[in-house]
N, C-alpha and C. Protein backbone atom coordinates (compact mmCIF):
# COMPACT_ATOMS: atom_id res chain seq x y z
N MET A 1 26.50 -13.78 0.17
CA MET A 1 25.34 -12.89 0.27
C MET A 1 25.52 -12.02 1.51
N ASN A 2 25.42 -10.71 1.34
CA ASN A 2 25.55 -9.81 2.47
C ASN A 2 24.32 -9.88 3.33
N LYS A 3 24.56 -10.02 4.63
CA LYS A 3 23.42 -10.14 5.54
C LYS A 3 22.70 -8.83 5.67
N SER A 4 23.42 -7.71 5.49
CA SER A 4 22.83 -6.40 5.75
C SER A 4 21.62 -6.13 4.90
N LYS A 5 21.80 -6.05 3.66
CA LYS A 5 20.68 -5.73 2.79
C LYS A 5 19.94 -6.97 2.32
N LYS A 6 20.63 -8.14 2.44
CA LYS A 6 20.02 -9.39 2.00
C LYS A 6 19.47 -9.22 0.60
N MET A 7 20.22 -8.46 -0.20
CA MET A 7 19.75 -8.19 -1.56
C MET A 7 19.82 -9.48 -2.37
N TRP A 8 18.78 -9.85 -2.97
CA TRP A 8 18.77 -11.04 -3.78
C TRP A 8 17.79 -10.88 -4.90
N MET A 9 18.15 -11.49 -5.97
CA MET A 9 17.29 -11.41 -7.16
C MET A 9 16.68 -12.78 -7.40
N LEU A 10 15.41 -12.82 -7.67
CA LEU A 10 14.72 -14.07 -7.92
C LEU A 10 14.25 -14.10 -9.37
N ALA A 11 14.81 -15.01 -10.15
CA ALA A 11 14.41 -15.09 -11.56
C ALA A 11 13.01 -15.67 -11.65
N ALA A 12 12.19 -15.12 -12.47
CA ALA A 12 10.81 -15.60 -12.62
C ALA A 12 10.81 -16.94 -13.35
N ALA A 13 9.87 -17.81 -13.00
CA ALA A 13 9.79 -19.10 -13.66
C ALA A 13 9.40 -18.92 -15.12
N PHE A 14 8.54 -17.96 -15.38
CA PHE A 14 8.13 -17.64 -16.75
C PHE A 14 8.10 -16.14 -16.91
N ILE A 15 8.60 -15.60 -18.03
CA ILE A 15 8.49 -14.17 -18.30
C ILE A 15 7.18 -13.95 -19.06
N LEU A 16 6.64 -13.97 -18.36
CA LEU A 16 5.36 -13.81 -19.00
C LEU A 16 5.28 -12.52 -19.99
N GLY A 17 -9.58 6.15 -20.73
CA GLY A 17 -9.86 7.21 -20.08
C GLY A 17 -11.24 7.35 -20.47
N GLY A 18 -10.92 6.04 -19.61
CA GLY A 18 -12.34 6.26 -19.84
C GLY A 18 -12.63 7.75 -19.95
N SER A 19 -13.55 8.11 -20.76
CA SER A 19 -13.92 9.52 -20.88
C SER A 19 -15.22 9.75 -20.15
N VAL A 20 -15.34 10.92 -19.56
CA VAL A 20 -16.56 11.31 -18.87
C VAL A 20 -17.37 12.18 -19.81
N LEU A 21 -18.60 11.80 -20.07
CA LEU A 21 -19.45 12.56 -20.97
C LEU A 21 -20.20 13.59 -20.16
N VAL A 22 -19.99 14.86 -20.46
CA VAL A 22 -20.64 15.95 -19.75
C VAL A 22 -21.66 16.59 -20.66
N GLY A 23 -22.93 16.56 -20.24
CA GLY A 23 -23.99 17.13 -21.05
C GLY A 23 -23.95 18.65 -20.95
N CYS A 24 -23.90 19.35 -22.06
CA CYS A 24 -23.86 20.82 -22.07
C CYS A 24 -25.28 21.35 -22.16
N GLN A 25 -25.62 22.24 -21.28
CA GLN A 25 -26.96 22.82 -21.32
C GLN A 25 -26.98 24.02 -22.26
N SER A 26 -28.12 24.20 -22.87
CA SER A 26 -28.27 25.39 -23.71
C SER A 26 -28.43 26.60 -22.81
N LYS A 27 -28.18 27.77 -23.32
CA LYS A 27 -28.24 29.00 -22.53
C LYS A 27 -29.64 29.25 -22.00
N ASN A 28 -30.67 28.77 -22.70
CA ASN A 28 -32.04 29.05 -22.30
C ASN A 28 -32.63 27.98 -21.39
N GLU A 29 -31.86 26.89 -21.15
CA GLU A 29 -32.40 25.80 -20.36
C GLU A 29 -32.28 26.12 -18.88
N LYS A 30 -33.35 25.91 -18.15
CA LYS A 30 -33.34 26.19 -16.72
C LYS A 30 -32.74 25.00 -15.96
N VAL A 31 -32.02 25.33 -14.89
CA VAL A 31 -31.42 24.30 -14.05
C VAL A 31 -32.41 23.92 -12.97
N LYS A 32 -32.76 22.65 -12.90
CA LYS A 32 -33.68 22.19 -11.88
C LYS A 32 -33.02 22.24 -10.51
N PRO A 33 -33.80 22.49 -9.44
CA PRO A 33 -33.26 22.58 -8.08
C PRO A 33 -32.46 21.35 -7.69
N GLU A 34 -32.99 20.15 -8.01
CA GLU A 34 -32.28 18.95 -7.62
C GLU A 34 -30.98 18.79 -8.39
N GLN A 35 -30.97 19.26 -9.64
CA GLN A 35 -29.75 19.19 -10.43
C GLN A 35 -28.70 20.12 -9.86
N LYS A 36 -29.15 21.33 -9.44
CA LYS A 36 -28.23 22.30 -8.87
C LYS A 36 -27.63 21.77 -7.58
N ALA A 37 -28.45 21.11 -6.77
CA ALA A 37 -27.97 20.56 -5.51
C ALA A 37 -26.93 19.48 -5.75
N THR A 38 -27.21 18.65 -6.77
CA THR A 38 -26.26 17.59 -7.11
C THR A 38 -24.93 18.17 -7.54
N GLU A 39 -24.98 19.20 -8.38
CA GLU A 39 -23.75 19.83 -8.86
C GLU A 39 -22.97 20.46 -7.71
N GLU A 40 -23.70 21.03 -6.74
CA GLU A 40 -23.03 21.63 -5.59
C GLU A 40 -22.35 20.56 -4.74
N ASN A 41 -23.01 19.40 -4.60
CA ASN A 41 -22.43 18.31 -3.83
C ASN A 41 -21.17 17.78 -4.48
N VAL A 42 -21.20 17.69 -5.83
CA VAL A 42 -20.02 17.24 -6.56
C VAL A 42 -18.87 18.21 -6.33
N ALA A 43 -19.16 19.51 -6.40
CA ALA A 43 -18.12 20.52 -6.20
C ALA A 43 -17.53 20.41 -4.81
N LYS A 44 -18.39 20.16 -3.81
CA LYS A 44 -17.90 20.03 -2.45
C LYS A 44 -17.01 18.81 -2.30
N SER A 45 -17.41 17.70 -2.93
CA SER A 45 -16.63 16.47 -2.81
C SER A 45 -15.26 16.63 -3.45
N GLN A 46 -15.19 17.44 -4.52
CA GLN A 46 -13.91 17.66 -5.18
C GLN A 46 -12.98 18.52 -4.34
N ASP A 47 -13.57 19.31 -3.43
CA ASP A 47 -12.76 20.17 -2.58
C ASP A 47 -12.38 19.51 -1.27
N GLU A 48 -12.87 18.30 -1.03
CA GLU A 48 -12.56 17.64 0.23
C GLU A 48 -11.08 17.34 0.35
N VAL A 49 -10.57 17.43 1.57
CA VAL A 49 -9.15 17.17 1.82
C VAL A 49 -8.89 15.66 1.80
N VAL A 50 -7.84 15.26 1.13
CA VAL A 50 -7.49 13.85 1.07
C VAL A 50 -7.01 13.40 2.44
N GLU A 51 -7.42 12.21 2.84
CA GLU A 51 -7.04 11.68 4.14
C GLU A 51 -5.51 11.59 4.23
N PRO A 52 -4.91 12.16 5.28
CA PRO A 52 -3.44 12.13 5.42
C PRO A 52 -2.91 10.70 5.46
N LYS A 53 -1.74 10.50 4.88
CA LYS A 53 -1.14 9.18 4.86
C LYS A 53 -0.42 8.90 6.18
N SER A 54 -0.52 7.67 6.65
CA SER A 54 0.15 7.27 7.88
C SER A 54 1.64 7.04 7.60
N VAL A 55 2.40 6.88 8.68
CA VAL A 55 3.83 6.60 8.54
C VAL A 55 4.03 5.31 7.74
N ALA A 56 3.27 4.27 8.07
CA ALA A 56 3.42 2.98 7.39
C ALA A 56 3.15 3.10 5.89
N MET A 57 2.12 3.86 5.52
CA MET A 57 1.78 4.04 4.10
C MET A 57 2.89 4.79 3.37
N VAL A 58 3.45 5.81 4.01
CA VAL A 58 4.51 6.59 3.38
C VAL A 58 5.77 5.75 3.22
N VAL A 59 6.08 4.94 4.23
CA VAL A 59 7.24 4.06 4.15
C VAL A 59 7.06 3.06 3.02
N ASP A 60 5.85 2.50 2.89
CA ASP A 60 5.57 1.56 1.80
C ASP A 60 5.77 2.22 0.44
N ASP A 61 5.25 3.43 0.29
CA ASP A 61 5.39 4.16 -0.98
C ASP A 61 6.86 4.41 -1.29
N TYR A 62 7.62 4.76 -0.28
CA TYR A 62 9.05 5.04 -0.48
C TYR A 62 9.78 3.79 -0.96
N MET A 63 9.46 2.65 -0.35
CA MET A 63 10.12 1.41 -0.76
C MET A 63 9.81 1.07 -2.21
N VAL A 64 8.56 1.24 -2.60
CA VAL A 64 8.17 0.94 -3.98
C VAL A 64 8.84 1.88 -4.97
N ASN A 65 8.82 3.17 -4.68
CA ASN A 65 9.31 4.18 -5.62
C ASN A 65 10.83 4.33 -5.64
N GLU A 66 11.47 4.13 -4.50
CA GLU A 66 12.92 4.33 -4.42
C GLU A 66 13.72 3.05 -4.61
N PHE A 67 13.24 1.95 -4.06
CA PHE A 67 14.00 0.71 -4.12
C PHE A 67 13.41 -0.33 -5.08
N GLY A 68 12.09 -0.38 -5.17
CA GLY A 68 11.47 -1.36 -6.05
C GLY A 68 11.90 -1.24 -7.49
N LYS A 69 12.17 0.00 -7.92
CA LYS A 69 12.57 0.25 -9.32
C LYS A 69 14.01 -0.17 -9.61
N GLN A 70 14.78 -0.47 -8.55
CA GLN A 70 16.17 -0.86 -8.74
C GLN A 70 16.32 -2.34 -9.11
N TYR A 71 15.24 -3.08 -8.96
CA TYR A 71 15.26 -4.51 -9.23
C TYR A 71 14.63 -4.83 -10.59
N LEU A 72 14.81 -6.08 -11.01
CA LEU A 72 14.14 -6.56 -12.21
C LEU A 72 12.64 -6.38 -12.03
N GLN A 73 11.99 -5.73 -12.98
CA GLN A 73 10.59 -5.37 -12.83
C GLN A 73 9.63 -6.52 -13.10
N GLY A 74 8.46 -6.42 -12.47
CA GLY A 74 7.38 -7.39 -12.69
C GLY A 74 6.11 -6.63 -13.01
N ASP A 75 4.98 -7.25 -12.73
CA ASP A 75 3.69 -6.60 -12.96
C ASP A 75 3.28 -5.74 -11.77
N VAL A 76 3.64 -6.18 -10.58
CA VAL A 76 3.30 -5.42 -9.37
C VAL A 76 4.50 -5.39 -8.43
N CYS A 77 4.55 -4.35 -7.61
CA CYS A 77 5.62 -4.20 -6.62
C CYS A 77 4.95 -4.06 -5.25
N ILE A 78 5.28 -4.96 -4.32
CA ILE A 78 4.63 -4.99 -3.02
C ILE A 78 5.66 -4.95 -1.90
N PRO A 79 5.62 -3.92 -1.04
CA PRO A 79 6.56 -3.86 0.09
C PRO A 79 6.12 -4.77 1.22
N SER A 80 7.07 -5.17 2.04
CA SER A 80 6.78 -5.95 3.24
C SER A 80 7.74 -5.47 4.31
N ASN A 81 7.35 -4.42 5.00
CA ASN A 81 8.24 -3.74 5.93
C ASN A 81 8.02 -4.15 7.38
N PHE A 82 9.10 -4.20 8.13
CA PHE A 82 9.06 -4.60 9.53
C PHE A 82 9.58 -3.43 10.36
N ILE A 83 8.65 -2.62 10.84
CA ILE A 83 9.01 -1.45 11.64
C ILE A 83 9.32 -1.89 13.06
N ILE A 84 10.53 -1.60 13.52
CA ILE A 84 10.98 -2.02 14.84
C ILE A 84 10.64 -0.99 15.90
N SER A 85 10.82 0.29 15.57
CA SER A 85 10.53 1.35 16.53
C SER A 85 10.28 2.65 15.80
N GLN A 86 9.57 3.56 16.46
CA GLN A 86 9.24 4.86 15.87
C GLN A 86 9.31 5.95 16.94
N ASP A 87 9.91 7.08 16.59
CA ASP A 87 10.03 8.21 17.51
C ASP A 87 9.40 9.44 16.87
N ASN A 88 8.29 9.91 17.44
CA ASN A 88 7.57 11.07 16.91
C ASN A 88 7.88 12.35 17.68
N GLY A 89 8.97 12.34 18.44
CA GLY A 89 9.29 13.48 19.28
C GLY A 89 9.54 14.77 18.54
N ASN A 90 10.05 14.68 17.33
CA ASN A 90 10.34 15.87 16.53
C ASN A 90 9.54 15.80 15.23
N ALA A 91 8.58 16.70 15.08
CA ALA A 91 7.71 16.66 13.90
C ALA A 91 8.48 16.83 12.60
N GLU A 92 9.64 17.49 12.67
CA GLU A 92 10.46 17.71 11.48
C GLU A 92 11.43 16.57 11.23
N ASP A 93 11.51 15.64 12.16
CA ASP A 93 12.42 14.50 11.98
C ASP A 93 11.87 13.29 12.74
N VAL A 94 10.80 12.73 12.21
CA VAL A 94 10.21 11.51 12.76
C VAL A 94 11.11 10.35 12.38
N LEU A 95 11.49 9.53 13.36
CA LEU A 95 12.45 8.46 13.13
C LEU A 95 11.75 7.10 13.10
N VAL A 96 12.07 6.31 12.08
CA VAL A 96 11.47 4.98 11.93
C VAL A 96 12.57 3.98 11.64
N TRP A 97 12.82 3.08 12.61
CA TRP A 97 13.82 2.03 12.44
C TRP A 97 13.13 0.76 11.95
N GLY A 98 13.76 0.07 11.01
CA GLY A 98 13.12 -1.16 10.54
C GLY A 98 13.97 -1.96 9.57
N ASP A 99 13.44 -3.13 9.24
CA ASP A 99 14.01 -3.99 8.20
C ASP A 99 13.02 -3.91 7.05
N PHE A 100 13.37 -3.12 6.04
CA PHE A 100 12.44 -2.76 4.98
C PHE A 100 12.67 -3.63 3.74
N TRP A 101 11.63 -4.36 3.34
CA TRP A 101 11.70 -5.27 2.21
C TRP A 101 10.78 -4.79 1.08
N VAL A 102 11.14 -5.16 -0.14
CA VAL A 102 10.28 -4.88 -1.29
C VAL A 102 10.44 -6.00 -2.31
N PHE A 103 9.33 -6.39 -2.96
CA PHE A 103 9.34 -7.49 -3.92
C PHE A 103 8.58 -7.11 -5.19
N ASN A 104 9.09 -7.57 -6.33
CA ASN A 104 8.39 -7.44 -7.60
C ASN A 104 7.84 -8.81 -7.99
N TYR A 105 6.58 -8.81 -8.45
CA TYR A 105 5.93 -10.06 -8.81
C TYR A 105 5.32 -9.97 -10.21
N GLU A 106 5.24 -11.13 -10.83
CA GLU A 106 4.57 -11.26 -12.13
C GLU A 106 3.24 -11.97 -11.90
N VAL A 107 2.18 -11.47 -12.52
CA VAL A 107 0.87 -12.10 -12.39
C VAL A 107 0.73 -13.15 -13.48
N ALA A 108 0.58 -14.42 -13.06
CA ALA A 108 0.41 -15.52 -14.01
C ALA A 108 -0.86 -16.29 -13.62
N GLY A 109 -1.96 -15.94 -14.26
CA GLY A 109 -3.22 -16.57 -13.91
C GLY A 109 -3.64 -16.20 -12.50
N ASP A 110 -3.80 -17.21 -11.64
CA ASP A 110 -4.20 -16.95 -10.26
C ASP A 110 -3.01 -16.92 -9.31
N THR A 111 -1.80 -16.80 -9.90
CA THR A 111 -0.58 -16.89 -9.09
C THR A 111 0.33 -15.69 -9.28
N LEU A 112 0.88 -15.20 -8.17
CA LEU A 112 1.95 -14.20 -8.22
C LEU A 112 3.27 -14.94 -8.19
N LYS A 113 4.10 -14.71 -9.20
CA LYS A 113 5.42 -15.34 -9.26
C LYS A 113 6.48 -14.30 -8.93
N THR A 114 7.30 -14.60 -7.93
CA THR A 114 8.31 -13.65 -7.47
C THR A 114 9.39 -13.47 -8.53
N VAL A 115 9.63 -12.22 -8.89
CA VAL A 115 10.64 -11.88 -9.90
C VAL A 115 11.93 -11.41 -9.24
N SER A 116 11.80 -10.55 -8.25
CA SER A 116 12.99 -9.97 -7.61
C SER A 116 12.62 -9.32 -6.30
N GLY A 117 13.62 -8.95 -5.55
CA GLY A 117 13.35 -8.25 -4.30
C GLY A 117 14.54 -8.25 -3.37
N GLY A 118 14.41 -7.57 -2.25
CA GLY A 118 15.51 -7.51 -1.32
C GLY A 118 15.18 -6.72 -0.07
N SER A 119 16.13 -6.73 0.87
CA SER A 119 15.96 -6.09 2.16
C SER A 119 16.86 -4.88 2.29
N HIS A 120 16.33 -3.83 2.94
CA HIS A 120 17.07 -2.59 3.14
C HIS A 120 16.91 -2.14 4.60
N PRO A 121 17.66 -2.73 5.52
CA PRO A 121 17.53 -2.33 6.91
C PRO A 121 18.14 -0.96 7.15
N GLY A 122 17.54 -0.23 8.09
CA GLY A 122 18.08 1.10 8.39
C GLY A 122 17.11 1.99 9.11
N LEU A 123 17.37 3.27 9.03
CA LEU A 123 16.57 4.28 9.73
C LEU A 123 16.02 5.29 8.73
N MET A 124 14.71 5.44 8.71
CA MET A 124 14.06 6.43 7.85
C MET A 124 13.76 7.69 8.63
N HIS A 125 14.02 8.82 8.00
CA HIS A 125 13.69 10.12 8.58
C HIS A 125 12.50 10.68 7.81
N LEU A 126 11.46 11.11 8.52
CA LEU A 126 10.28 11.69 7.89
C LEU A 126 9.96 13.03 8.56
N ARG A 127 9.21 13.85 7.85
CA ARG A 127 8.71 15.08 8.45
C ARG A 127 7.22 15.15 8.21
N THR A 128 6.53 15.82 9.11
CA THR A 128 5.08 15.95 8.98
C THR A 128 4.74 17.00 7.93
N THR A 129 3.66 16.75 7.20
CA THR A 129 3.18 17.69 6.19
C THR A 129 1.66 17.77 6.31
N ASP A 130 1.06 18.61 5.50
CA ASP A 130 -0.40 18.72 5.50
C ASP A 130 -1.06 17.42 5.04
N ASN A 131 -0.30 16.60 4.30
CA ASN A 131 -0.82 15.34 3.78
C ASN A 131 -0.35 14.14 4.59
N GLY A 132 0.19 14.40 5.77
CA GLY A 132 0.66 13.29 6.61
C GLY A 132 2.15 13.36 6.85
N TYR A 133 2.91 12.59 6.07
CA TYR A 133 4.35 12.54 6.23
C TYR A 133 5.03 12.44 4.87
N GLU A 134 6.34 12.71 4.87
CA GLU A 134 7.16 12.44 3.69
C GLU A 134 8.56 12.07 4.16
N VAL A 135 9.20 11.15 3.44
CA VAL A 135 10.53 10.70 3.79
C VAL A 135 11.54 11.75 3.32
N THR A 136 12.44 12.15 4.20
CA THR A 136 13.46 13.13 3.85
C THR A 136 14.85 12.51 3.68
N LYS A 137 15.07 11.38 4.36
CA LYS A 137 16.40 10.75 4.29
C LYS A 137 16.30 9.31 4.76
N PHE A 138 17.23 8.47 4.27
CA PHE A 138 17.28 7.09 4.72
C PHE A 138 18.71 6.72 5.06
N ASP A 139 18.94 6.32 6.31
CA ASP A 139 20.26 5.85 6.75
C ASP A 139 20.29 4.34 6.60
N ALA A 140 21.01 3.87 5.61
CA ALA A 140 21.03 2.44 5.30
C ALA A 140 22.20 1.74 5.99
N VAL A 141 21.95 0.51 6.44
CA VAL A 141 23.02 -0.32 6.98
C VAL A 141 23.91 -0.73 5.82
N GLY A 142 25.22 -0.63 6.02
CA GLY A 142 26.16 -0.92 4.94
C GLY A 142 26.35 -2.41 4.68
N ASP A 143 27.19 -2.70 3.68
CA ASP A 143 27.48 -4.08 3.29
C ASP A 143 28.79 -4.56 3.89
N GLY A 144 28.99 -5.87 3.81
CA GLY A 144 30.26 -6.47 4.17
C GLY A 144 30.76 -6.09 5.55
N SER A 145 32.00 -5.59 5.59
CA SER A 145 32.62 -5.24 6.87
C SER A 145 31.93 -4.06 7.53
N GLU A 146 31.14 -3.30 6.77
CA GLU A 146 30.45 -2.15 7.33
C GLU A 146 29.13 -2.54 8.00
N TYR A 147 28.68 -3.76 7.75
CA TYR A 147 27.37 -4.18 8.23
C TYR A 147 27.22 -4.05 9.75
N LEU A 148 28.07 -4.75 10.50
CA LEU A 148 27.91 -4.78 11.95
C LEU A 148 28.07 -3.41 12.60
N PRO A 149 29.16 -2.67 12.31
CA PRO A 149 29.27 -1.35 12.94
C PRO A 149 28.14 -0.40 12.53
N ASN A 150 27.70 -0.47 11.26
CA ASN A 150 26.59 0.35 10.79
C ASN A 150 25.30 0.01 11.53
N ALA A 151 25.02 -1.29 11.62
CA ALA A 151 23.78 -1.74 12.26
C ALA A 151 23.75 -1.34 13.72
N LYS A 152 24.87 -1.50 14.43
CA LYS A 152 24.92 -1.14 15.85
C LYS A 152 24.76 0.37 16.04
N ARG A 153 25.36 1.14 15.13
CA ARG A 153 25.28 2.60 15.25
C ARG A 153 23.86 3.09 14.94
N ILE A 154 23.28 2.56 13.88
CA ILE A 154 21.95 3.03 13.45
C ILE A 154 20.84 2.58 14.39
N PHE A 155 20.89 1.31 14.82
CA PHE A 155 19.82 0.79 15.66
C PHE A 155 20.05 1.05 17.15
N GLY A 156 21.31 1.25 17.56
CA GLY A 156 21.59 1.57 18.95
C GLY A 156 21.00 0.55 19.92
N ASP A 157 20.19 1.04 20.88
CA ASP A 157 19.61 0.13 21.87
C ASP A 157 18.50 -0.74 21.28
N LYS A 158 18.22 -0.56 20.00
CA LYS A 158 17.22 -1.39 19.31
C LYS A 158 17.89 -2.48 18.47
N PHE A 159 19.21 -2.60 18.61
CA PHE A 159 19.96 -3.55 17.79
C PHE A 159 19.50 -4.99 18.03
N ASP A 160 19.27 -5.36 19.29
CA ASP A 160 18.82 -6.73 19.59
C ASP A 160 17.47 -7.02 18.94
N SER A 161 16.58 -6.02 18.96
CA SER A 161 15.27 -6.19 18.33
C SER A 161 15.42 -6.37 16.83
N TYR A 162 16.35 -5.61 16.24
CA TYR A 162 16.60 -5.75 14.81
C TYR A 162 17.12 -7.14 14.48
N GLN A 163 18.07 -7.62 15.27
CA GLN A 163 18.62 -8.96 15.02
C GLN A 163 17.54 -10.03 15.14
N GLU A 164 16.64 -9.85 16.11
CA GLU A 164 15.56 -10.82 16.30
C GLU A 164 14.65 -10.85 15.09
N ILE A 165 14.32 -9.68 14.56
CA ILE A 165 13.46 -9.60 13.37
C ILE A 165 14.16 -10.17 12.15
N SER A 166 15.43 -9.79 11.97
CA SER A 166 16.16 -10.19 10.76
C SER A 166 16.41 -11.69 10.71
N SER A 167 16.36 -12.36 11.85
CA SER A 167 16.61 -13.81 11.88
C SER A 167 15.31 -14.62 11.95
N ALA A 168 14.18 -13.95 12.09
CA ALA A 168 12.90 -14.66 12.21
C ALA A 168 12.28 -14.86 10.83
N ALA A 169 12.86 -15.76 10.06
CA ALA A 169 12.42 -15.96 8.68
C ALA A 169 10.97 -16.40 8.57
N GLU A 170 10.55 -17.28 9.46
CA GLU A 170 9.18 -17.79 9.40
C GLU A 170 8.16 -16.69 9.68
N LYS A 171 8.47 -15.86 10.66
CA LYS A 171 7.58 -14.75 11.00
C LYS A 171 7.52 -13.73 9.87
N ARG A 172 8.68 -13.43 9.27
CA ARG A 172 8.73 -12.49 8.16
C ARG A 172 7.90 -12.99 6.99
N GLU A 173 8.00 -14.30 6.73
CA GLU A 173 7.27 -14.87 5.60
C GLU A 173 5.76 -14.80 5.84
N ASP A 174 5.34 -15.04 7.07
CA ASP A 174 3.92 -14.96 7.40
C ASP A 174 3.39 -13.55 7.17
N ILE A 175 4.17 -12.55 7.60
CA ILE A 175 3.76 -11.16 7.41
C ILE A 175 3.76 -10.80 5.92
N ARG A 176 4.74 -11.30 5.18
CA ARG A 176 4.78 -11.02 3.74
C ARG A 176 3.53 -11.55 3.04
N LEU A 177 3.12 -12.77 3.39
CA LEU A 177 1.93 -13.36 2.77
C LEU A 177 0.68 -12.54 3.09
N ARG A 178 0.59 -12.05 4.31
CA ARG A 178 -0.56 -11.24 4.70
C ARG A 178 -0.55 -9.89 3.98
N ASN A 179 0.64 -9.32 3.82
CA ASN A 179 0.75 -8.06 3.06
C ASN A 179 0.32 -8.25 1.62
N ILE A 180 0.73 -9.38 1.03
CA ILE A 180 0.35 -9.67 -0.35
C ILE A 180 -1.16 -9.85 -0.45
N ALA A 181 -1.74 -10.59 0.50
CA ALA A 181 -3.19 -10.83 0.48
C ALA A 181 -3.95 -9.51 0.58
N ASP A 182 -3.47 -8.59 1.42
CA ASP A 182 -4.11 -7.28 1.55
C ASP A 182 -4.02 -6.50 0.24
N TYR A 183 -2.86 -6.57 -0.41
CA TYR A 183 -2.65 -5.86 -1.68
C TYR A 183 -3.59 -6.42 -2.75
N VAL A 184 -3.67 -7.74 -2.82
CA VAL A 184 -4.51 -8.41 -3.82
C VAL A 184 -5.97 -8.00 -3.64
N LYS A 185 -6.42 -7.97 -2.39
CA LYS A 185 -7.80 -7.60 -2.10
C LYS A 185 -8.06 -6.14 -2.45
N LYS A 186 -7.13 -5.27 -2.08
CA LYS A 186 -7.28 -3.84 -2.32
C LYS A 186 -7.33 -3.51 -3.80
N HIS A 187 -6.56 -4.24 -4.62
CA HIS A 187 -6.48 -3.95 -6.05
C HIS A 187 -7.32 -4.91 -6.89
N ASN A 188 -8.16 -5.71 -6.23
CA ASN A 188 -9.09 -6.60 -6.94
C ASN A 188 -8.39 -7.53 -7.93
N LEU A 189 -7.28 -8.09 -7.52
CA LEU A 189 -6.56 -9.04 -8.38
C LEU A 189 -7.14 -10.44 -8.18
N ARG A 190 -7.29 -11.18 -9.27
CA ARG A 190 -7.80 -12.55 -9.18
C ARG A 190 -6.64 -13.50 -8.90
N VAL A 191 -6.02 -13.29 -7.76
CA VAL A 191 -4.84 -14.06 -7.38
C VAL A 191 -5.10 -14.74 -6.04
N THR A 192 -4.75 -16.01 -5.96
CA THR A 192 -4.94 -16.77 -4.71
C THR A 192 -3.67 -17.46 -4.25
N MET A 193 -2.62 -17.44 -5.09
CA MET A 193 -1.40 -18.18 -4.78
C MET A 193 -0.15 -17.31 -4.95
N LEU A 194 0.92 -17.70 -4.27
CA LEU A 194 2.23 -17.07 -4.41
C LEU A 194 3.25 -18.15 -4.69
N GLN A 195 4.16 -17.88 -5.64
CA GLN A 195 5.21 -18.86 -5.93
C GLN A 195 6.56 -18.16 -6.03
N ASP A 196 7.47 -18.49 -5.13
CA ASP A 196 8.85 -18.02 -5.22
C ASP A 196 9.60 -18.97 -6.14
N TYR A 197 10.62 -18.46 -6.82
CA TYR A 197 11.36 -19.27 -7.79
C TYR A 197 12.00 -20.47 -7.09
N GLY A 198 11.74 -21.65 -7.66
CA GLY A 198 12.31 -22.88 -7.12
C GLY A 198 11.51 -23.49 -5.99
N TRP A 199 10.38 -22.88 -5.65
CA TRP A 199 9.55 -23.39 -4.56
C TRP A 199 8.13 -23.62 -5.07
N PRO A 200 7.40 -24.56 -4.43
CA PRO A 200 6.02 -24.78 -4.85
C PRO A 200 5.15 -23.58 -4.48
N ALA A 201 4.07 -23.39 -5.19
CA ALA A 201 3.15 -22.30 -4.90
C ALA A 201 2.46 -22.55 -3.57
N VAL A 202 2.20 -21.45 -2.85
CA VAL A 202 1.48 -21.53 -1.58
C VAL A 202 0.24 -20.66 -1.66
N GLU A 203 -0.77 -21.05 -0.91
CA GLU A 203 -2.02 -20.29 -0.93
C GLU A 203 -1.91 -19.06 -0.05
N LEU A 204 -2.43 -17.95 -0.55
CA LEU A 204 -2.44 -16.72 0.24
C LEU A 204 -3.49 -16.81 1.32
N PRO A 205 -3.24 -16.21 2.48
CA PRO A 205 -4.26 -16.23 3.55
C PRO A 205 -5.53 -15.53 3.10
N ARG A 206 -6.64 -16.03 3.55
CA ARG A 206 -7.94 -15.45 3.19
C ARG A 206 -8.25 -14.29 4.11
N GLY A 207 -8.76 -13.20 3.54
CA GLY A 207 -9.13 -12.06 4.35
C GLY A 207 -10.39 -12.34 5.13
N LYS A 208 -10.61 -11.52 6.17
CA LYS A 208 -11.79 -11.70 7.00
C LYS A 208 -13.02 -11.15 6.27
């Protein structure tokens, strides 16, 4: 197993518009003041600017869309990224170093069963936009004999921090469970447990 990407596949234990009705007014029907105000408020809300995405949110989206699809698919794809350092000095090239993980899970009753996933350490390049950020390039740490020279070159003076994160399995697992719990809460999933292949199910941390 290459330490760089730590790519691994986990076989699952089991393979498991609305329409909006709009009332049409007749040409002779008068619009009540309160109705007009409501319609104006709706129009204003539709014109509101969407809240810009943070660096962490954009990195998560990138992992799901670019790397999550490369693995055996499940019902949900949840990233678990470990950002080591960030440099915002250049708005056209924001630098984010990290050990970026992504996992696919199958929903089985109240349990998420791990289907696949892996690690992609490296450096992400982003640029600022009106909507926050977008990833422009990813410098990935190579495999095999390329791993060490790639990692030292990409992480530079952050290499020790990267090694510390990449070897802290217990800490990574704790963060992964919290990320999953946040995802479950955000998407209203009736899930309380996580089960990796070959391991007993564990309870997800409870949100505050």
